PDB file of all heavy atoms in Angstrom:
ATOM      1  N   ASN A   1      -4.048   6.605  -5.378  1.00  0.00           N
ATOM      2  CA  ASN A   1      -2.997   5.577  -5.544  1.00  0.00           C
ATOM      3  C   ASN A   1      -3.543   4.208  -5.496  1.00  0.00           C
ATOM      4  O   ASN A   1      -2.786   3.227  -5.291  1.00  0.00           O
ATOM      5  CB  ASN A   1      -1.962   5.793  -4.424  1.00  0.00           C
ATOM      6  CG  ASN A   1      -0.967   6.903  -4.789  1.00  0.00           C
ATOM      7  OD1 ASN A   1      -0.107   6.735  -5.592  1.00  0.00           O
ATOM      8  ND2 ASN A   1      -1.199   8.034  -4.202  1.00  0.00           N
ATOM      9  N   GLY A   2      -4.842   4.070  -5.696  1.00  0.00           N
ATOM     10  CA  GLY A   2      -5.401   2.711  -5.902  1.00  0.00           C
ATOM     11  C   GLY A   2      -5.970   2.039  -4.614  1.00  0.00           C
ATOM     12  O   GLY A   2      -6.377   0.895  -4.700  1.00  0.00           O
ATOM     13  N   LEU A   3      -5.927   2.698  -3.521  1.00  0.00           N
ATOM     14  CA  LEU A   3      -6.437   2.114  -2.276  1.00  0.00           C
ATOM     15  C   LEU A   3      -7.944   2.474  -2.084  1.00  0.00           C
ATOM     16  O   LEU A   3      -8.348   3.491  -2.585  1.00  0.00           O
ATOM     17  CB  LEU A   3      -5.667   2.599  -1.083  1.00  0.00           C
ATOM     18  CG  LEU A   3      -4.294   1.888  -0.830  1.00  0.00           C
ATOM     19  CD1 LEU A   3      -3.315   2.277  -1.823  1.00  0.00           C
ATOM     20  CD2 LEU A   3      -3.811   2.219   0.594  1.00  0.00           C
ATOM     21  N   GLU A   4      -8.612   1.618  -1.489  1.00  0.00           N
ATOM     22  CA  GLU A   4     -10.025   1.869  -1.129  1.00  0.00           C
ATOM     23  C   GLU A   4     -10.040   2.294   0.344  1.00  0.00           C
ATOM     24  O   GLU A   4      -9.548   1.597   1.188  1.00  0.00           O
ATOM     25  CB  GLU A   4     -10.831   0.563  -1.247  1.00  0.00           C
ATOM     26  CG  GLU A   4     -12.108   0.616  -1.905  1.00  0.00           C
ATOM     27  CD  GLU A   4     -12.738  -0.718  -2.023  1.00  0.00           C
ATOM     28  OE1 GLU A   4     -12.421  -1.456  -2.966  1.00  0.00           O
ATOM     29  OE2 GLU A   4     -13.592  -1.054  -1.127  1.00  0.00           O
ATOM     30  N   VAL A   5     -10.496   3.473   0.605  1.00  0.00           N
ATOM     31  CA  VAL A   5     -10.497   3.990   2.007  1.00  0.00           C
ATOM     32  C   VAL A   5     -11.964   4.357   2.330  1.00  0.00           C
ATOM     33  O   VAL A   5     -12.596   5.166   1.690  1.00  0.00           O
ATOM     34  CB  VAL A   5      -9.656   5.286   2.107  1.00  0.00           C
ATOM     35  CG1 VAL A   5      -9.636   5.750   3.560  1.00  0.00           C
ATOM     36  CG2 VAL A   5      -8.203   4.986   1.650  1.00  0.00           C
ATOM     37  N   THR A   6     -12.429   3.683   3.438  1.00  0.00           N
ATOM     38  CA  THR A   6     -13.802   3.929   3.907  1.00  0.00           C
ATOM     39  C   THR A   6     -13.768   4.446   5.304  1.00  0.00           C
ATOM     40  O   THR A   6     -13.151   3.919   6.190  1.00  0.00           O
ATOM     41  CB  THR A   6     -14.555   2.550   3.878  1.00  0.00           C
ATOM     42  OG1 THR A   6     -14.496   1.997   2.594  1.00  0.00           O
ATOM     43  CG2 THR A   6     -16.034   2.784   4.270  1.00  0.00           C
ATOM     44  N   ASP A   7     -14.470   5.592   5.487  1.00  0.00           N
ATOM     45  CA  ASP A   7     -14.611   6.219   6.807  1.00  0.00           C
ATOM     46  C   ASP A   7     -15.580   5.432   7.591  1.00  0.00           C
ATOM     47  O   ASP A   7     -16.781   5.324   7.209  1.00  0.00           O
ATOM     48  CB  ASP A   7     -15.084   7.663   6.616  1.00  0.00           C
ATOM     49  CG  ASP A   7     -15.149   8.440   7.927  1.00  0.00           C
ATOM     50  OD1 ASP A   7     -15.022   7.807   9.009  1.00  0.00           O
ATOM     51  OD2 ASP A   7     -15.395   9.630   7.863  1.00  0.00           O
ATOM     52  N   MET A   8     -15.179   4.793   8.670  1.00  0.00           N
ATOM     53  CA  MET A   8     -16.058   3.951   9.450  1.00  0.00           C
ATOM     54  C   MET A   8     -16.663   4.685  10.683  1.00  0.00           C
ATOM     55  O   MET A   8     -17.624   4.228  11.247  1.00  0.00           O
ATOM     56  CB  MET A   8     -15.294   2.714   9.925  1.00  0.00           C
ATOM     57  CG  MET A   8     -14.927   1.785   8.772  1.00  0.00           C
ATOM     58  SD  MET A   8     -13.967   0.348   9.311  1.00  0.00           S
ATOM     59  CE  MET A   8     -15.162  -0.474  10.354  1.00  0.00           C
ATOM     60  N   LYS A   9     -15.995   5.790  11.097  1.00  0.00           N
ATOM     61  CA  LYS A   9     -16.466   6.499  12.278  1.00  0.00           C
ATOM     62  C   LYS A   9     -15.976   7.903  12.289  1.00  0.00           C
ATOM     63  O   LYS A   9     -14.971   8.258  12.878  1.00  0.00           O
ATOM     64  CB  LYS A   9     -16.006   5.767  13.536  1.00  0.00           C
ATOM     65  CG  LYS A   9     -16.577   6.379  14.820  1.00  0.00           C
ATOM     66  CD  LYS A   9     -16.080   5.591  16.012  1.00  0.00           C
ATOM     67  CE  LYS A   9     -16.578   6.291  17.266  1.00  0.00           C
ATOM     68  NZ  LYS A   9     -15.892   5.803  18.431  1.00  0.00           N
ATOM     69  N   ASP A  10     -16.712   8.814  11.669  1.00  0.00           N
ATOM     70  CA  ASP A  10     -16.475  10.287  11.715  1.00  0.00           C
ATOM     71  C   ASP A  10     -15.031  10.673  11.610  1.00  0.00           C
ATOM     72  O   ASP A  10     -14.523  11.453  12.418  1.00  0.00           O
ATOM     73  CB  ASP A  10     -17.035  10.837  13.078  1.00  0.00           C
ATOM     74  CG  ASP A  10     -18.495  10.488  13.284  1.00  0.00           C
ATOM     75  OD1 ASP A  10     -19.296  10.604  12.288  1.00  0.00           O
ATOM     76  OD2 ASP A  10     -18.898  10.156  14.425  1.00  0.00           O
ATOM     77  N   GLN A  11     -14.356  10.203  10.609  1.00  0.00           N
ATOM     78  CA  GLN A  11     -12.987  10.498  10.308  1.00  0.00           C
ATOM     79  C   GLN A  11     -12.031  10.144  11.465  1.00  0.00           C
ATOM     80  O   GLN A  11     -10.974  10.789  11.658  1.00  0.00           O
ATOM     81  CB  GLN A  11     -12.766  11.930   9.877  1.00  0.00           C
ATOM     82  CG  GLN A  11     -13.476  12.249   8.585  1.00  0.00           C
ATOM     83  CD  GLN A  11     -13.099  13.565   7.993  1.00  0.00           C
ATOM     84  OE1 GLN A  11     -12.504  14.415   8.643  1.00  0.00           O
ATOM     85  NE2 GLN A  11     -13.429  13.780   6.732  1.00  0.00           N
ATOM     86  N   GLU A  12     -12.423   9.117  12.241  1.00  0.00           N
ATOM     87  CA  GLU A  12     -11.578   8.669  13.385  1.00  0.00           C
ATOM     88  C   GLU A  12     -11.041   7.268  13.064  1.00  0.00           C
ATOM     89  O   GLU A  12      -9.948   6.934  13.474  1.00  0.00           O
ATOM     90  CB  GLU A  12     -12.334   8.703  14.675  1.00  0.00           C
ATOM     91  CG  GLU A  12     -12.716  10.052  15.147  1.00  0.00           C
ATOM     92  CD  GLU A  12     -11.509  10.858  15.577  1.00  0.00           C
ATOM     93  OE1 GLU A  12     -10.464  10.306  16.004  1.00  0.00           O
ATOM     94  OE2 GLU A  12     -11.575  12.101  15.490  1.00  0.00           O
ATOM     95  N   VAL A  13     -11.853   6.431  12.395  1.00  0.00           N
ATOM     96  CA  VAL A  13     -11.503   5.062  12.116  1.00  0.00           C
ATOM     97  C   VAL A  13     -11.772   4.822  10.631  1.00  0.00           C
ATOM     98  O   VAL A  13     -12.826   5.150  10.123  1.00  0.00           O
ATOM     99  CB  VAL A  13     -12.309   4.046  13.021  1.00  0.00           C
ATOM    100  CG1 VAL A  13     -11.948   2.628  12.646  1.00  0.00           C
ATOM    101  CG2 VAL A  13     -12.122   4.385  14.461  1.00  0.00           C
ATOM    102  N   PHE A  14     -10.759   4.173   9.959  1.00  0.00           N
ATOM    103  CA  PHE A  14     -10.871   3.924   8.590  1.00  0.00           C
ATOM    104  C   PHE A  14     -10.621   2.466   8.217  1.00  0.00           C
ATOM    105  O   PHE A  14      -9.740   1.802   8.855  1.00  0.00           O
ATOM    106  CB  PHE A  14      -9.862   4.819   7.785  1.00  0.00           C
ATOM    107  CG  PHE A  14     -10.096   6.214   7.963  1.00  0.00           C
ATOM    108  CD1 PHE A  14      -9.484   6.923   9.048  1.00  0.00           C
ATOM    109  CD2 PHE A  14     -10.935   6.930   7.101  1.00  0.00           C
ATOM    110  CE1 PHE A  14      -9.738   8.260   9.224  1.00  0.00           C
ATOM    111  CE2 PHE A  14     -11.124   8.283   7.337  1.00  0.00           C
ATOM    112  CZ  PHE A  14     -10.547   8.950   8.362  1.00  0.00           C
ATOM    113  N   TRP A  15     -11.321   1.979   7.235  1.00  0.00           N
ATOM    114  CA  TRP A  15     -11.075   0.678   6.699  1.00  0.00           C
ATOM    115  C   TRP A  15     -10.321   0.890   5.369  1.00  0.00           C
ATOM    116  O   TRP A  15     -10.775   1.655   4.486  1.00  0.00           O
ATOM    117  CB  TRP A  15     -12.453  -0.028   6.420  1.00  0.00           C
ATOM    118  CG  TRP A  15     -12.362  -1.386   5.814  1.00  0.00           C
ATOM    119  CD1 TRP A  15     -12.084  -2.549   6.493  1.00  0.00           C
ATOM    120  CD2 TRP A  15     -12.581  -1.748   4.447  1.00  0.00           C
ATOM    121  NE1 TRP A  15     -12.161  -3.606   5.639  1.00  0.00           N
ATOM    122  CE2 TRP A  15     -12.440  -3.157   4.369  1.00  0.00           C
ATOM    123  CE3 TRP A  15     -12.861  -1.030   3.272  1.00  0.00           C
ATOM    124  CZ2 TRP A  15     -12.571  -3.825   3.151  1.00  0.00           C
ATOM    125  CZ3 TRP A  15     -13.024  -1.734   2.094  1.00  0.00           C
ATOM    126  CH2 TRP A  15     -12.861  -3.109   2.059  1.00  0.00           C
ATOM    127  N   VAL A  16      -9.168   0.330   5.225  1.00  0.00           N
ATOM    128  CA  VAL A  16      -8.254   0.558   4.106  1.00  0.00           C
ATOM    129  C   VAL A  16      -8.067  -0.782   3.386  1.00  0.00           C
ATOM    130  O   VAL A  16      -7.661  -1.785   4.019  1.00  0.00           O
ATOM    131  CB  VAL A  16      -6.911   1.148   4.496  1.00  0.00           C
ATOM    132  CG1 VAL A  16      -6.020   1.375   3.271  1.00  0.00           C
ATOM    133  CG2 VAL A  16      -7.131   2.473   5.268  1.00  0.00           C
ATOM    134  N   LYS A  17      -8.295  -0.769   2.065  1.00  0.00           N
ATOM    135  CA  LYS A  17      -8.113  -2.013   1.289  1.00  0.00           C
ATOM    136  C   LYS A  17      -7.070  -1.666   0.227  1.00  0.00           C
ATOM    137  O   LYS A  17      -7.291  -0.768  -0.582  1.00  0.00           O
ATOM    138  CB  LYS A  17      -9.414  -2.462   0.659  1.00  0.00           C
ATOM    139  CG  LYS A  17      -9.282  -3.713  -0.159  1.00  0.00           C
ATOM    140  CD  LYS A  17     -10.619  -4.144  -0.754  1.00  0.00           C
ATOM    141  CE  LYS A  17     -10.467  -5.372  -1.665  1.00  0.00           C
ATOM    142  NZ  LYS A  17     -11.729  -5.627  -2.350  1.00  0.00           N
ATOM    143  N   PHE A  18      -6.018  -2.441   0.167  1.00  0.00           N
ATOM    144  CA  PHE A  18      -4.972  -2.269  -0.850  1.00  0.00           C
ATOM    145  C   PHE A  18      -5.366  -2.977  -2.150  1.00  0.00           C
ATOM    146  O   PHE A  18      -6.251  -3.876  -2.106  1.00  0.00           O
ATOM    147  CB  PHE A  18      -3.669  -2.906  -0.339  1.00  0.00           C
ATOM    148  CG  PHE A  18      -3.015  -2.085   0.760  1.00  0.00           C
ATOM    149  CD1 PHE A  18      -3.403  -2.164   2.057  1.00  0.00           C
ATOM    150  CD2 PHE A  18      -1.928  -1.232   0.427  1.00  0.00           C
ATOM    151  CE1 PHE A  18      -2.770  -1.467   3.049  1.00  0.00           C
ATOM    152  CE2 PHE A  18      -1.289  -0.469   1.392  1.00  0.00           C
ATOM    153  CZ  PHE A  18      -1.717  -0.619   2.737  1.00  0.00           C
ATOM    154  N   PRO A  19      -4.778  -2.623  -3.272  1.00  0.00           N
ATOM    155  CA  PRO A  19      -5.160  -3.270  -4.537  1.00  0.00           C
ATOM    156  C   PRO A  19      -5.031  -4.781  -4.526  1.00  0.00           C
ATOM    157  O   PRO A  19      -5.768  -5.486  -5.243  1.00  0.00           O
ATOM    158  CB  PRO A  19      -4.186  -2.645  -5.569  1.00  0.00           C
ATOM    159  CG  PRO A  19      -3.793  -1.350  -4.945  1.00  0.00           C
ATOM    160  CD  PRO A  19      -3.801  -1.579  -3.447  1.00  0.00           C
ATOM    161  N   THR A  20      -4.182  -5.339  -3.666  1.00  0.00           N
ATOM    162  CA  THR A  20      -3.980  -6.791  -3.657  1.00  0.00           C
ATOM    163  C   THR A  20      -5.093  -7.473  -2.837  1.00  0.00           C
ATOM    164  O   THR A  20      -5.173  -8.684  -2.838  1.00  0.00           O
ATOM    165  CB  THR A  20      -2.639  -7.159  -2.993  1.00  0.00           C
ATOM    166  OG1 THR A  20      -2.657  -6.667  -1.655  1.00  0.00           O
ATOM    167  CG2 THR A  20      -1.474  -6.606  -3.729  1.00  0.00           C
ATOM    168  N   GLY A  21      -5.934  -6.706  -2.161  1.00  0.00           N
ATOM    169  CA  GLY A  21      -6.960  -7.263  -1.326  1.00  0.00           C
ATOM    170  C   GLY A  21      -6.684  -7.235   0.159  1.00  0.00           C
ATOM    171  O   GLY A  21      -7.551  -7.486   0.965  1.00  0.00           O
ATOM    172  N   TYR A  22      -5.442  -6.905   0.500  1.00  0.00           N
ATOM    173  CA  TYR A  22      -5.019  -6.809   1.944  1.00  0.00           C
ATOM    174  C   TYR A  22      -5.841  -5.679   2.575  1.00  0.00           C
ATOM    175  O   TYR A  22      -5.956  -4.589   1.996  1.00  0.00           O
ATOM    176  CB  TYR A  22      -3.545  -6.535   2.045  1.00  0.00           C
ATOM    177  CG  TYR A  22      -3.038  -6.232   3.433  1.00  0.00           C
ATOM    178  CD1 TYR A  22      -2.990  -7.239   4.341  1.00  0.00           C
ATOM    179  CD2 TYR A  22      -2.641  -4.941   3.789  1.00  0.00           C
ATOM    180  CE1 TYR A  22      -2.496  -6.973   5.682  1.00  0.00           C
ATOM    181  CE2 TYR A  22      -2.167  -4.689   5.052  1.00  0.00           C
ATOM    182  CZ  TYR A  22      -2.105  -5.684   5.993  1.00  0.00           C
ATOM    183  OH  TYR A  22      -1.623  -5.440   7.229  1.00  0.00           O
ATOM    184  N   ARG A  23      -6.462  -5.968   3.708  1.00  0.00           N
ATOM    185  CA  ARG A  23      -7.302  -4.978   4.397  1.00  0.00           C
ATOM    186  C   ARG A  23      -6.775  -4.727   5.816  1.00  0.00           C
ATOM    187  O   ARG A  23      -6.215  -5.603   6.452  1.00  0.00           O
ATOM    188  CB  ARG A  23      -8.719  -5.530   4.551  1.00  0.00           C
ATOM    189  CG  ARG A  23      -9.397  -5.764   3.206  1.00  0.00           C
ATOM    190  CD  ARG A  23     -10.769  -6.426   3.440  1.00  0.00           C
ATOM    191  NE  ARG A  23     -11.248  -6.944   2.245  1.00  0.00           N
ATOM    192  CZ  ARG A  23     -11.144  -8.203   1.866  1.00  0.00           C
ATOM    193  NH1 ARG A  23     -10.578  -9.082   2.663  1.00  0.00           N
ATOM    194  NH2 ARG A  23     -11.602  -8.619   0.707  1.00  0.00           N
ATOM    195  N   ILE A  24      -6.940  -3.492   6.241  1.00  0.00           N
ATOM    196  CA  ILE A  24      -6.484  -3.088   7.540  1.00  0.00           C
ATOM    197  C   ILE A  24      -7.430  -1.949   8.086  1.00  0.00           C
ATOM    198  O   ILE A  24      -7.940  -1.178   7.313  1.00  0.00           O
ATOM    199  CB  ILE A  24      -4.991  -2.665   7.537  1.00  0.00           C
ATOM    200  CG1 ILE A  24      -4.454  -2.449   8.929  1.00  0.00           C
ATOM    201  CG2 ILE A  24      -4.835  -1.434   6.652  1.00  0.00           C
ATOM    202  CD1 ILE A  24      -2.969  -2.300   8.968  1.00  0.00           C
TER     203      ILE A  24
END
């Protein structure tokens, strides 16, 4: 659905970037 999802710690913590650039 266009989001960038990066596993930061063994599927416990994720960095999520929306298409607009908003990150969480």
